Amino acid sequence: MMNKTKKKNVYVKYAVIMCISGALGGILGGVMEMGQVHGVLTGIQEGMQFFLNSVRTWMLPLMAICGVIALVLCEQYMGRLKRAGEAMEQAEDEAYERLNYELEAAGGRGMIVSFAGSIAMILLLATGYSTKYIESLNGSGIMWFLLEILTFIALEVYLNVWQIRYVRVIQKIYPDKKGDPTSLKFPKQWLESCDEAEKECIYQASYKGYQTVMKWAPILTFVALILHMFFDTGILAIVMPSVIWLVTSVTYCRACLQNKGEKLSK
């Protein structure tokens, strides 16, 4: 009886959410139809365009600042990695566990900085990375844009090389860790060389990542739909999070079915 009541409550909750969403959509549409938000939307569009133009104008200095910050932090974490690895060679049990945590913390934070720096570079470059903008540049403008492209490439190469260095340092400390960081098969090779405790940690972290994507992909798709309605941002902004949502869902479901099939066949 309790289970049936809970199931009914789930459907009721879903119906309430849909009704509230529909009501909010109707109110928003009515306000837009009355033209009350036209001035506000125009102001937001002008503000966004001013912001993008400002970032585009200062793209090279902003790239340099982000690059220096990423470089300093990445090298700092690399130094911590190497020092922890050297200390672990002579450490006892308790000290070894503490140093191992410091090693993982430095590596994890370094990877976060490298990914964040790489994405920041892409976002900065995206403000001027269009045929329309490039065609509008004069001689000096083209030279500046080429410098921005070269700066972007140099920083991306550094951040990717840092990640390779990180893997090599870990492999030096733990010779049993296998895998070529430049290979597409590296994640599989690395996982196969991990023990059961490490695999369990990786599985838990991966599932956490899956949950995060499945939480944010629908939200970003909905936000992209709303922004396209108001600001004509283009369909690609809707397609990208939708594709990520679909690919993640299909990959997860296929992996579950594959794993269950392999267990049944044994």
C-alpha atoms as a PDB file:
ATOM      1  CA  MET A   1       0.000   0.000   0.000  1.00  0.00           C
ATOM      2  CA  MET A   2       2.841   2.389   0.894  1.00  0.00           C
ATOM      3  CA  ASN A   3       4.604   1.682  -2.408  1.00  0.00           C
ATOM      4  CA  LYS A   4       1.441   2.466  -4.404  1.00  0.00           C
ATOM      5  CA  THR A   5       0.990   5.728  -2.482  1.00  0.00           C
ATOM      6  CA  LYS A   6       4.607   6.720  -3.156  1.00  0.00           C
ATOM      7  CA  LYS A   7       4.190   5.979  -6.867  1.00  0.00           C
ATOM      8  CA  LYS A   8       1.045   8.126  -7.001  1.00  0.00           C
ATOM      9  CA  ASN A   9       2.867  10.938  -5.178  1.00  0.00           C
ATOM     10  CA  VAL A  10       5.616  10.863  -7.814  1.00  0.00           C
ATOM     11  CA  TYR A  11       3.071  11.330 -10.624  1.00  0.00           C
ATOM     12  CA  VAL A  12       1.283  14.070  -8.681  1.00  0.00           C
ATOM     13  CA  LYS A  13       4.579  15.861  -8.060  1.00  0.00           C
ATOM     14  CA  TYR A  14       5.447  15.639 -11.755  1.00  0.00           C
ATOM     15  CA  ALA A  15       2.014  17.003 -12.725  1.00  0.00           C
ATOM     16  CA  VAL A  16       2.409  19.936 -10.307  1.00  0.00           C
ATOM     17  CA  ILE A  17       5.849  20.758 -11.722  1.00  0.00           C
ATOM     18  CA  MET A  18       4.475  20.696 -15.280  1.00  0.00           C
ATOM     19  CA  CYS A  19       1.545  22.944 -14.317  1.00  0.00           C
ATOM     20  CA  ILE A  20       3.839  25.459 -12.615  1.00  0.00           C
ATOM     21  CA  SER A  21       6.205  25.431 -15.594  1.00  0.00           C
ATOM     22  CA  GLY A  22       3.304  25.968 -17.989  1.00  0.00           C
ATOM     23  CA  ALA A  23       1.940  28.831 -15.878  1.00  0.00           C
ATOM     24  CA  LEU A  24       5.338  30.537 -15.730  1.00  0.00           C
ATOM     25  CA  GLY A  25       5.742  30.110 -19.483  1.00  0.00           C
ATOM     26  CA  GLY A  26       2.306  31.617 -20.071  1.00  0.00           C
ATOM     27  CA  ILE A  27       3.049  34.590 -17.823  1.00  0.00           C
ATOM     28  CA  LEU A  28       6.386  35.165 -19.531  1.00  0.00           C
ATOM     29  CA  GLY A  29       4.777  34.965 -22.972  1.00  0.00           C
ATOM     30  CA  GLY A  30       2.039  37.390 -21.936  1.00  0.00           C
ATOM     31  CA  VAL A  31       4.529  39.907 -20.594  1.00  0.00           C
ATOM     32  CA  MET A  32       6.542  39.661 -23.815  1.00  0.00           C
ATOM     33  CA  GLU A  33       3.389  40.101 -25.918  1.00  0.00           C
ATOM     34  CA  MET A  34       2.564  43.313 -24.052  1.00  0.00           C
ATOM     35  CA  GLY A  35       6.037  44.601 -24.917  1.00  0.00           C
ATOM     36  CA  GLN A  36       6.987  45.337 -21.336  1.00  0.00           C
ATOM     37  CA  VAL A  37      10.362  43.645 -21.579  1.00  0.00           C
ATOM     38  CA  HIS A  38      11.450  44.954 -24.996  1.00  0.00           C
ATOM     39  CA  GLY A  39      13.443  47.829 -23.528  1.00  0.00           C
ATOM     40  CA  VAL A  40      15.065  45.580 -20.935  1.00  0.00           C
ATOM     41  CA  LEU A  41      16.067  42.996 -23.551  1.00  0.00           C
ATOM     42  CA  THR A  42      17.499  45.692 -25.795  1.00  0.00           C
ATOM     43  CA  GLY A  43      19.554  47.006 -22.890  1.00  0.00           C
ATOM     44  CA  ILE A  44      20.834  43.517 -22.084  1.00  0.00           C
ATOM     45  CA  GLN A  45      21.780  42.918 -25.733  1.00  0.00           C
ATOM     46  CA  GLU A  46      23.655  46.203 -25.905  1.00  0.00           C
ATOM     47  CA  GLY A  47      25.430  45.437 -22.638  1.00  0.00           C
ATOM     48  CA  MET A  48      26.452  41.970 -23.831  1.00  0.00           C
ATOM     49  CA  GLN A  49      27.720  43.383 -27.134  1.00  0.00           C
ATOM     50  CA  PHE A  50      29.734  46.037 -25.292  1.00  0.00           C
ATOM     51  CA  PHE A  51      31.234  43.352 -23.041  1.00  0.00           C
ATOM     52  CA  LEU A  52      32.193  41.148 -26.013  1.00  0.00           C
ATOM     53  CA  ASN A  53      33.729  44.090 -27.868  1.00  0.00           C
ATOM     54  CA  SER A  54      35.738  45.025 -24.773  1.00  0.00           C
ATOM     55  CA  VAL A  55      37.023  41.465 -24.339  1.00  0.00           C
ATOM     56  CA  ARG A  56      37.847  41.314 -28.056  1.00  0.00           C
ATOM     57  CA  THR A  57      39.810  44.569 -27.814  1.00  0.00           C
ATOM     58  CA  TRP A  58      41.837  43.345 -24.820  1.00  0.00           C
ATOM     59  CA  MET A  59      42.062  39.714 -25.914  1.00  0.00           C
ATOM     60  CA  LEU A  60      45.868  39.509 -26.090  1.00  0.00           C
ATOM     61  CA  PRO A  61      46.540  41.045 -22.625  1.00  0.00           C
ATOM     62  CA  LEU A  62      43.791  38.878 -21.107  1.00  0.00           C
ATOM     63  CA  MET A  63      45.296  35.769 -22.703  1.00  0.00           C
ATOM     64  CA  ALA A  64      48.713  36.730 -21.369  1.00  0.00           C
ATOM     65  CA  ILE A  65      47.350  37.237 -17.849  1.00  0.00           C
ATOM     66  CA  CYS A  66      45.456  33.921 -17.867  1.00  0.00           C
ATOM     67  CA  GLY A  67      48.500  32.180 -19.321  1.00  0.00           C
ATOM     68  CA  VAL A  68      50.874  33.527 -16.676  1.00  0.00           C
ATOM     69  CA  ILE A  69      48.491  32.568 -13.865  1.00  0.00           C
ATOM     70  CA  ALA A  70      48.060  29.049 -15.279  1.00  0.00           C
ATOM     71  CA  LEU A  71      51.812  28.650 -15.846  1.00  0.00           C
ATOM     72  CA  VAL A  72      52.744  29.754 -12.317  1.00  0.00           C
ATOM     73  CA  LEU A  73      50.126  27.541 -10.662  1.00  0.00           C
ATOM     74  CA  CYS A  74      50.876  24.506 -12.846  1.00  0.00           C
ATOM     75  CA  GLU A  75      54.616  24.722 -12.190  1.00  0.00           C
ATOM     76  CA  GLN A  76      53.950  25.172  -8.484  1.00  0.00           C
ATOM     77  CA  TYR A  77      51.854  22.005  -8.401  1.00  0.00           C
ATOM     78  CA  MET A  78      54.445  20.169 -10.505  1.00  0.00           C
ATOM     79  CA  GLY A  79      57.079  21.069  -7.922  1.00  0.00           C
ATOM     80  CA  ARG A  80      54.858  19.719  -5.135  1.00  0.00           C
ATOM     81  CA  LEU A  81      54.341  16.518  -7.117  1.00  0.00           C
ATOM     82  CA  LYS A  82      58.053  15.914  -7.521  1.00  0.00           C
ATOM     83  CA  ARG A  83      58.873  16.756  -3.889  1.00  0.00           C
ATOM     84  CA  ALA A  84      56.131  14.451  -2.586  1.00  0.00           C
ATOM     85  CA  GLY A  85      57.340  11.655  -4.874  1.00  0.00           C
ATOM     86  CA  GLU A  86      60.929  12.001  -3.672  1.00  0.00           C
ATOM     87  CA  ALA A  87      59.839  12.045  -0.014  1.00  0.00           C
ATOM     88  CA  MET A  88      57.694   8.922  -0.485  1.00  0.00           C
ATOM     89  CA  GLU A  89      60.769   6.835  -1.305  1.00  0.00           C
ATOM     90  CA  GLN A  90      61.978   7.052   2.316  1.00  0.00           C
ATOM     91  CA  ALA A  91      58.635   7.441   4.107  1.00  0.00           C
ATOM     92  CA  GLU A  92      57.073   5.029   6.614  1.00  0.00           C
ATOM     93  CA  ASP A  93      53.449   3.854   6.524  1.00  0.00           C
ATOM     94  CA  GLU A  94      51.653   6.877   8.057  1.00  0.00           C
ATOM     95  CA  ALA A  95      53.919   9.412   6.398  1.00  0.00           C
ATOM     96  CA  TYR A  96      53.589   7.522   3.123  1.00  0.00           C
ATOM     97  CA  GLU A  97      49.791   7.776   3.199  1.00  0.00           C
ATOM     98  CA  ARG A  98      49.964  11.509   3.948  1.00  0.00           C
ATOM     99  CA  LEU A  99      52.460  12.108   1.153  1.00  0.00           C
ATOM    100  CA  ASN A 100      50.363  10.014  -1.217  1.00  0.00           C
ATOM    101  CA  TYR A 101      47.385  12.264  -0.484  1.00  0.00           C
ATOM    102  CA  GLU A 102      49.530  15.364  -1.054  1.00  0.00           C
ATOM    103  CA  LEU A 103      50.651  13.843  -4.345  1.00  0.00           C
ATOM    104  CA  GLU A 104      47.082  13.228  -5.496  1.00  0.00           C
ATOM    105  CA  ALA A 105      45.921  16.654  -4.277  1.00  0.00           C
ATOM    106  CA  ALA A 106      48.692  18.480  -6.134  1.00  0.00           C
ATOM    107  CA  GLY A 107      48.043  16.463  -9.286  1.00  0.00           C
ATOM    108  CA  GLY A 108      44.284  16.944  -9.145  1.00  0.00           C
ATOM    109  CA  ARG A 109      44.541  20.692  -8.566  1.00  0.00           C
ATOM    110  CA  GLY A 110      47.114  21.007 -11.314  1.00  0.00           C
ATOM    111  CA  MET A 111      44.815  19.196 -13.742  1.00  0.00           C
ATOM    112  CA  ILE A 112      41.931  21.497 -12.775  1.00  0.00           C
ATOM    113  CA  VAL A 113      44.105  24.559 -13.434  1.00  0.00           C
ATOM    114  CA  SER A 114      45.264  23.171 -16.789  1.00  0.00           C
ATOM    115  CA  PHE A 115      41.704  22.433 -17.931  1.00  0.00           C
ATOM    116  CA  ALA A 116      40.418  25.794 -16.654  1.00  0.00           C
ATOM    117  CA  GLY A 117      43.264  27.628 -18.373  1.00  0.00           C
ATOM    118  CA  SER A 118      42.624  25.816 -21.642  1.00  0.00           C
ATOM    119  CA  ILE A 119      38.902  26.607 -21.572  1.00  0.00           C
ATOM    120  CA  ALA A 120      39.594  30.249 -20.648  1.00  0.00           C
ATOM    121  CA  MET A 121      41.854  30.544 -23.701  1.00  0.00           C
ATOM    122  CA  ILE A 122      39.149  29.073 -25.947  1.00  0.00           C
ATOM    123  CA  LEU A 123      36.481  31.436 -24.578  1.00  0.00           C
ATOM    124  CA  LEU A 124      38.724  34.466 -25.069  1.00  0.00           C
ATOM    125  CA  LEU A 125      39.603  33.449 -28.619  1.00  0.00           C
ATOM    126  CA  ALA A 126      35.929  32.787 -29.403  1.00  0.00           C
ATOM    127  CA  THR A 127      35.098  36.498 -28.995  1.00  0.00           C
ATOM    128  CA  GLY A 128      36.992  37.239 -32.220  1.00  0.00           C
ATOM    129  CA  TYR A 129      37.095  33.873 -33.941  1.00  0.00           C
ATOM    130  CA  SER A 130      34.695  34.517 -36.815  1.00  0.00           C
ATOM    131  CA  THR A 131      35.060  35.159 -40.546  1.00  0.00           C
ATOM    132  CA  LYS A 132      32.982  38.338 -40.294  1.00  0.00           C
ATOM    133  CA  TYR A 133      35.264  39.804 -37.623  1.00  0.00           C
ATOM    134  CA  ILE A 134      38.497  38.779 -39.379  1.00  0.00           C
ATOM    135  CA  GLU A 135      37.343  40.310 -42.687  1.00  0.00           C
ATOM    136  CA  SER A 136      36.666  43.610 -40.893  1.00  0.00           C
ATOM    137  CA  LEU A 137      40.285  43.920 -39.704  1.00  0.00           C
ATOM    138  CA  ASN A 138      42.864  46.167 -41.342  1.00  0.00           C
ATOM    139  CA  GLY A 139      46.603  45.434 -41.654  1.00  0.00           C
ATOM    140  CA  SER A 140      47.564  46.133 -38.023  1.00  0.00           C
ATOM    141  CA  GLY A 141      44.401  44.426 -36.791  1.00  0.00           C
ATOM    142  CA  ILE A 142      45.307  41.251 -38.669  1.00  0.00           C
ATOM    143  CA  MET A 143      48.796  41.310 -37.124  1.00  0.00           C
ATOM    144  CA  TRP A 144      47.316  41.596 -33.639  1.00  0.00           C
ATOM    145  CA  PHE A 145      44.907  38.762 -34.372  1.00  0.00           C
ATOM    146  CA  LEU A 146      47.780  36.556 -35.567  1.00  0.00           C
ATOM    147  CA  LEU A 147      49.621  37.321 -32.323  1.00  0.00           C
ATOM    148  CA  GLU A 148      46.507  36.289 -30.405  1.00  0.00           C
ATOM    149  CA  ILE A 149      46.324  33.030 -32.370  1.00  0.00           C
ATOM    150  CA  LEU A 150      50.010  32.300 -31.711  1.00  0.00           C
ATOM    151  CA  THR A 151      49.580  33.095 -28.003  1.00  0.00           C
ATOM    152  CA  PHE A 152      46.580  30.776 -27.859  1.00  0.00           C
ATOM    153  CA  ILE A 153      48.483  27.934 -29.562  1.00  0.00           C
ATOM    154  CA  ALA A 154      51.549  28.389 -27.333  1.00  0.00           C
ATOM    155  CA  LEU A 155      49.502  28.290 -24.122  1.00  0.00           C
ATOM    156  CA  GLU A 156      47.421  25.317 -25.272  1.00  0.00           C
ATOM    157  CA  VAL A 157      50.594  23.404 -26.151  1.00  0.00           C
ATOM    158  CA  TYR A 158      52.102  24.204 -22.745  1.00  0.00           C
ATOM    159  CA  LEU A 159      48.996  23.071 -20.849  1.00  0.00           C
ATOM    160  CA  ASN A 160      48.790  19.818 -22.812  1.00  0.00           C
ATOM    161  CA  VAL A 161      52.501  19.163 -22.308  1.00  0.00           C
ATOM    162  CA  TRP A 162      52.049  19.817 -18.585  1.00  0.00           C
ATOM    163  CA  GLN A 163      49.422  17.069 -18.433  1.00  0.00           C
ATOM    164  CA  ILE A 164      51.836  14.676 -20.165  1.00  0.00           C
ATOM    165  CA  ARG A 165      54.567  15.639 -17.671  1.00  0.00           C
ATOM    166  CA  TYR A 166      52.150  14.947 -14.825  1.00  0.00           C
ATOM    167  CA  VAL A 167      51.458  11.439 -16.113  1.00  0.00           C
ATOM    168  CA  ARG A 168      55.183  10.776 -16.541  1.00  0.00           C
ATOM    169  CA  VAL A 169      55.909  11.897 -12.968  1.00  0.00           C
ATOM    170  CA  ILE A 170      53.234   9.534 -11.618  1.00  0.00           C
ATOM    171  CA  GLN A 171      54.595   6.688 -13.750  1.00  0.00           C
ATOM    172  CA  LYS A 172      58.077   7.363 -12.407  1.00  0.00           C
ATOM    173  CA  ILE A 173      56.800   7.165  -8.822  1.00  0.00           C
ATOM    174  CA  TYR A 174      54.585   4.146  -9.575  1.00  0.00           C
ATOM    175  CA  PRO A 175      56.313   2.102 -12.328  1.00  0.00           C
ATOM    176  CA  ASP A 176      53.341  -0.285 -12.495  1.00  0.00           C
ATOM    177  CA  LYS A 177      51.177   2.491 -13.973  1.00  0.00           C
ATOM    178  CA  LYS A 178      50.999   1.919 -17.722  1.00  0.00           C
ATOM    179  CA  GLY A 179      49.771   3.914 -20.689  1.00  0.00           C
ATOM    180  CA  ASP A 180      50.904   6.385 -23.311  1.00  0.00           C
ATOM    181  CA  PRO A 181      49.371   9.825 -22.509  1.00  0.00           C
ATOM    182  CA  THR A 182      49.473  10.758 -26.214  1.00  0.00           C
ATOM    183  CA  SER A 183      47.381   7.722 -27.200  1.00  0.00           C
ATOM    184  CA  LEU A 184      43.592   7.643 -27.535  1.00  0.00           C
ATOM    185  CA  LYS A 185      43.694   4.348 -25.616  1.00  0.00           C
ATOM    186  CA  PHE A 186      45.419   5.941 -22.614  1.00  0.00           C
ATOM    187  CA  PRO A 187      42.360   5.953 -20.277  1.00  0.00           C
ATOM    188  CA  LYS A 188      41.840   2.217 -20.884  1.00  0.00           C
ATOM    189  CA  GLN A 189      45.558   1.429 -20.500  1.00  0.00           C
ATOM    190  CA  TRP A 190      45.777   3.427 -17.281  1.00  0.00           C
ATOM    191  CA  LEU A 191      42.664   1.840 -15.789  1.00  0.00           C
ATOM    192  CA  GLU A 192      43.929  -1.665 -16.530  1.00  0.00           C
ATOM    193  CA  SER A 193      47.128  -0.951 -14.581  1.00  0.00           C
ATOM    194  CA  CYS A 194      45.247   0.244 -11.466  1.00  0.00           C
ATOM    195  CA  ASP A 195      44.462  -1.985  -8.496  1.00  0.00           C
ATOM    196  CA  GLU A 196      40.898  -2.643  -7.317  1.00  0.00           C
ATOM    197  CA  ALA A 197      40.858   0.195  -4.762  1.00  0.00           C
ATOM    198  CA  GLU A 198      42.036   2.691  -7.382  1.00  0.00           C
ATOM    199  CA  LYS A 199      39.490   1.401  -9.887  1.00  0.00           C
ATOM    200  CA  GLU A 200      36.709   1.806  -7.329  1.00  0.00           C
ATOM    201  CA  CYS A 201      37.791   5.415  -6.740  1.00  0.00           C
ATOM    202  CA  ILE A 202      37.839   6.074 -10.498  1.00  0.00           C
ATOM    203  CA  TYR A 203      34.391   4.491 -10.937  1.00  0.00           C
ATOM    204  CA  GLN A 204      32.903   6.618  -8.158  1.00  0.00           C
ATOM    205  CA  ALA A 205      34.448   9.806  -9.552  1.00  0.00           C
ATOM    206  CA  SER A 206      33.258   8.902 -13.062  1.00  0.00           C
ATOM    207  CA  TYR A 207      29.701   8.338 -11.849  1.00  0.00           C
ATOM    208  CA  LYS A 208      29.834  11.688 -10.057  1.00  0.00           C
ATOM    209  CA  GLY A 209      30.892  13.274 -13.344  1.00  0.00           C
ATOM    210  CA  TYR A 210      28.034  11.486 -15.139  1.00  0.00           C
ATOM    211  CA  GLN A 211      25.526  12.797 -12.602  1.00  0.00           C
ATOM    212  CA  THR A 212      26.853  16.336 -13.032  1.00  0.00           C
ATOM    213  CA  VAL A 213      26.526  16.183 -16.821  1.00  0.00           C
ATOM    214  CA  MET A 214      23.007  14.722 -16.600  1.00  0.00           C
ATOM    215  CA  LYS A 215      22.034  17.496 -14.190  1.00  0.00           C
ATOM    216  CA  TRP A 216      23.453  20.404 -16.166  1.00  0.00           C
ATOM    217  CA  ALA A 217      22.887  19.294 -19.779  1.00  0.00           C
ATOM    218  CA  PRO A 218      19.059  19.660 -19.568  1.00  0.00           C
ATOM    219  CA  ILE A 219      19.427  22.976 -17.717  1.00  0.00           C
ATOM    220  CA  LEU A 220      21.844  24.352 -20.312  1.00  0.00           C
ATOM    221  CA  THR A 221      19.597  23.148 -23.147  1.00  0.00           C
ATOM    222  CA  PHE A 222      16.609  24.923 -21.601  1.00  0.00           C
ATOM    223  CA  VAL A 223      18.647  28.100 -21.007  1.00  0.00           C
ATOM    224  CA  ALA A 224      19.882  27.979 -24.618  1.00  0.00           C
ATOM    225  CA  LEU A 225      16.268  27.713 -25.829  1.00  0.00           C
ATOM    226  CA  ILE A 226      15.246  30.759 -23.780  1.00  0.00           C
ATOM    227  CA  LEU A 227      18.253  32.803 -24.900  1.00  0.00           C
ATOM    228  CA  HIS A 228      17.582  31.913 -28.537  1.00  0.00           C
ATOM    229  CA  MET A 229      14.002  33.123 -28.161  1.00  0.00           C
ATOM    230  CA  PHE A 230      15.084  36.491 -26.756  1.00  0.00           C
ATOM    231  CA  PHE A 231      18.479  37.145 -28.362  1.00  0.00           C
ATOM    232  CA  ASP A 232      18.513  34.944 -31.509  1.00  0.00           C
ATOM    233  CA  THR A 233      21.714  33.194 -30.407  1.00  0.00           C
ATOM    234  CA  GLY A 234      21.415  30.528 -33.110  1.00  0.00           C
ATOM    235  CA  ILE A 235      20.426  26.870 -33.123  1.00  0.00           C
ATOM    236  CA  LEU A 236      23.973  25.594 -32.554  1.00  0.00           C
ATOM    237  CA  ALA A 237      23.858  26.846 -28.960  1.00  0.00           C
ATOM    238  CA  ILE A 238      20.880  24.508 -28.444  1.00  0.00           C
ATOM    239  CA  VAL A 239      22.277  21.589 -30.425  1.00  0.00           C
ATOM    240  CA  MET A 240      25.574  21.304 -28.510  1.00  0.00           C
ATOM    241  CA  PRO A 241      24.218  20.690 -24.959  1.00  0.00           C
ATOM    242  CA  SER A 242      21.478  18.503 -26.456  1.00  0.00           C
ATOM    243  CA  VAL A 243      24.053  16.313 -28.213  1.00  0.00           C
ATOM    244  CA  ILE A 244      26.151  16.073 -25.030  1.00  0.00           C
ATOM    245  CA  TRP A 245      23.001  15.093 -23.115  1.00  0.00           C
ATOM    246  CA  LEU A 246      22.101  12.438 -25.702  1.00  0.00           C
ATOM    247  CA  VAL A 247      25.609  10.981 -26.072  1.00  0.00           C
ATOM    248  CA  THR A 248      26.092  10.767 -22.294  1.00  0.00           C
ATOM    249  CA  SER A 249      22.723   9.052 -21.792  1.00  0.00           C
ATOM    250  CA  VAL A 250      23.243   6.560 -24.623  1.00  0.00           C
ATOM    251  CA  THR A 251      26.818   5.774 -23.547  1.00  0.00           C
ATOM    252  CA  TYR A 252      25.747   5.122 -19.952  1.00  0.00           C
ATOM    253  CA  CYS A 253      22.815   2.887 -20.939  1.00  0.00           C
ATOM    254  CA  ARG A 254      24.905   0.922 -23.446  1.00  0.00           C
ATOM    255  CA  ALA A 255      27.681   0.428 -20.892  1.00  0.00           C
ATOM    256  CA  CYS A 256      25.188  -0.893 -18.322  1.00  0.00           C
ATOM    257  CA  LEU A 257      23.711  -3.352 -20.828  1.00  0.00           C
ATOM    258  CA  GLN A 258      27.157  -4.437 -21.991  1.00  0.00           C
ATOM    259  CA  ASN A 259      28.374  -5.068 -18.439  1.00  0.00           C
ATOM    260  CA  LYS A 260      25.268  -7.092 -17.569  1.00  0.00           C
ATOM    261  CA  GLY A 261      25.617  -9.081 -20.787  1.00  0.00           C
ATOM    262  CA  GLU A 262      29.242  -9.905 -20.013  1.00  0.00           C
ATOM    263  CA  LYS A 263      28.287 -11.088 -16.512  1.00  0.00           C
ATOM    264  CA  LEU A 264      25.552 -13.351 -17.881  1.00  0.00           C
ATOM    265  CA  SER A 265      27.880 -14.861 -20.479  1.00  0.00           C
ATOM    266  CA  LYS A 266      30.427 -15.919 -17.833  1.00  0.00           C
END
